[in-house]
Protein backbone atom coordinates (compact mmCIF):
# COMPACT_ATOMS: atom_id res chain seq x y z
CA GLU A 1 -101.22 -55.52 96.17
CA VAL A 2 -97.79 -56.86 97.05
CA GLN A 3 -97.31 -57.42 100.76
CA LEU A 4 -94.22 -58.57 102.62
CA VAL A 5 -94.46 -59.20 106.35
CA GLU A 6 -91.34 -60.07 108.29
CA SER A 7 -91.35 -61.77 111.67
CA GLY A 8 -89.03 -63.62 114.00
CA GLY A 9 -86.85 -60.80 115.23
CA GLY A 10 -86.02 -60.23 118.84
CA LEU A 11 -83.25 -60.13 121.40
CA VAL A 12 -80.69 -62.92 121.28
CA GLN A 13 -77.35 -63.47 122.94
CA ALA A 14 -74.18 -63.57 120.90
CA GLY A 15 -73.61 -67.07 119.62
CA GLY A 16 -77.32 -67.78 119.51
CA SER A 17 -79.67 -68.39 116.61
CA ARG A 18 -82.74 -66.80 115.16
CA ARG A 19 -85.03 -67.68 112.27
CA LEU A 20 -86.66 -64.88 110.35
CA SER A 21 -89.70 -65.33 108.15
CA CYS A 22 -91.15 -63.17 105.41
CA ALA A 23 -94.72 -63.98 104.49
CA THR A 24 -95.67 -62.67 101.08
CA SER A 25 -98.79 -62.13 99.02
CA GLY A 26 -99.95 -60.28 95.94
CA PHE A 27 -97.57 -61.77 93.38
CA THR A 28 -96.52 -65.13 92.01
CA PHE A 29 -93.95 -65.98 94.65
CA ASP A 30 -92.11 -68.73 92.81
CA ASP A 31 -91.51 -66.52 89.77
CA TYR A 32 -89.14 -64.11 91.53
CA ALA A 33 -85.84 -63.91 93.29
CA ILE A 34 -86.26 -62.53 96.78
CA SER A 35 -83.76 -61.02 99.17
CA TRP A 36 -82.95 -60.17 102.77
CA PHE A 37 -81.44 -56.81 103.62
CA ARG A 38 -80.50 -55.32 106.96
CA GLN A 39 -79.85 -51.87 108.32
CA ALA A 40 -77.66 -51.46 111.36
CA PRO A 41 -77.95 -48.33 113.51
CA GLY A 42 -76.28 -45.41 111.77
CA LYS A 43 -75.43 -47.43 108.67
CA GLU A 44 -76.80 -47.84 105.19
CA ARG A 45 -79.05 -50.73 104.33
CA GLU A 46 -77.06 -53.67 102.94
CA GLY A 47 -77.92 -56.86 101.13
CA VAL A 48 -77.52 -59.96 103.27
CA SER A 49 -78.75 -62.81 101.09
CA CYS A 50 -80.77 -63.59 98.00
CA ILE A 51 -82.38 -66.70 96.59
CA LYS A 52 -83.40 -67.19 92.99
CA SER A 53 -86.73 -68.57 91.96
CA ARG A 54 -86.10 -71.35 89.48
CA ASP A 55 -82.88 -73.04 90.50
CA GLY A 56 -82.86 -71.85 94.10
CA SER A 57 -79.31 -70.61 93.84
CA THR A 58 -78.24 -68.34 96.65
CA TRP A 59 -75.94 -65.44 97.40
CA TYR A 60 -74.64 -64.22 100.77
CA VAL A 61 -72.72 -61.19 101.90
CA ASP A 62 -69.28 -62.28 103.08
CA SER A 63 -70.10 -61.62 106.74
CA ALA A 64 -73.04 -64.04 106.58
CA LYS A 65 -71.38 -66.92 104.76
CA GLY A 66 -71.25 -70.08 106.81
CA ARG A 67 -73.62 -68.68 109.45
CA PHE A 68 -76.84 -67.73 107.65
CA THR A 69 -79.02 -69.88 105.43
CA ILE A 70 -81.69 -68.47 103.16
CA SER A 71 -84.55 -70.67 102.01
CA ARG A 72 -87.97 -70.37 100.47
CA ASP A 73 -91.16 -72.38 100.68
CA ASN A 74 -92.98 -71.78 97.41
CA ALA A 75 -96.06 -73.61 98.68
CA LYS A 76 -96.37 -71.17 101.58
CA ASN A 77 -95.15 -68.08 99.70
CA THR A 78 -92.67 -67.56 102.50
CA LEU A 79 -89.00 -66.68 102.67
CA TYR A 80 -86.77 -67.63 105.60
CA LEU A 81 -83.41 -66.65 106.99
CA GLN A 82 -81.84 -68.99 109.51
CA MET A 83 -79.16 -67.10 111.41
CA ASN A 84 -76.68 -69.00 113.56
CA SER A 85 -73.62 -67.96 115.55
CA LEU A 86 -75.01 -64.46 115.79
CA LYS A 87 -72.67 -61.59 116.52
CA ALA A 88 -73.25 -58.11 117.88
CA GLU A 89 -72.60 -56.72 114.42
CA ASP A 90 -75.62 -58.63 113.10
CA THR A 91 -77.84 -56.26 115.06
CA GLY A 92 -80.21 -54.30 112.87
CA VAL A 93 -83.56 -54.20 111.19
CA TYR A 94 -83.97 -57.03 108.71
CA TYR A 95 -86.10 -56.51 105.62
CA CYS A 96 -87.23 -58.74 102.80
CA LYS A 97 -87.42 -57.32 99.33
CA VAL A 98 -88.89 -58.46 96.02
CA PHE A 99 -88.35 -56.27 92.95
CA THR A 100 -89.19 -52.78 94.31
CA TYR A 101 -91.26 -53.83 97.31
CA TRP A 102 -90.03 -53.88 100.90
CA GLY A 103 -91.48 -55.26 104.07
CA GLN A 104 -91.71 -53.23 107.24
CA GLY A 105 -88.74 -54.95 108.81
CA THR A 106 -88.11 -56.95 111.96
CA GLN A 107 -85.59 -55.91 114.60
CA VAL A 108 -82.81 -58.28 115.57
CA THR A 109 -80.69 -57.30 118.56
CA VAL A 110 -77.68 -59.39 119.46
CA SER A 111 -76.32 -58.78 122.94
CA SER A 112 -72.66 -59.41 123.57
């Protein structure tokens, strides 16, 4: 059974940092690209970042470029999202996703 468990969310002041983690199990982690999504209040879920499995190449939504860094630890089957210079508009529930599976999400609230 595929399981994705996000953690690391919380309340942070604008300009601050937060590191999210997504612990995974139930599949061969290093065989798959894996992504972070977020859903802000009243908005649709959007892709934030993705990291491929083999070459580790990454993609970021424009609003995250230069501030967020996605990484993966294949030995720990864990995905990370380091978020710096946080803004109020980064507030939302952050989810990790692999193929059709989603985690339960972790709330990030950025106070301005």
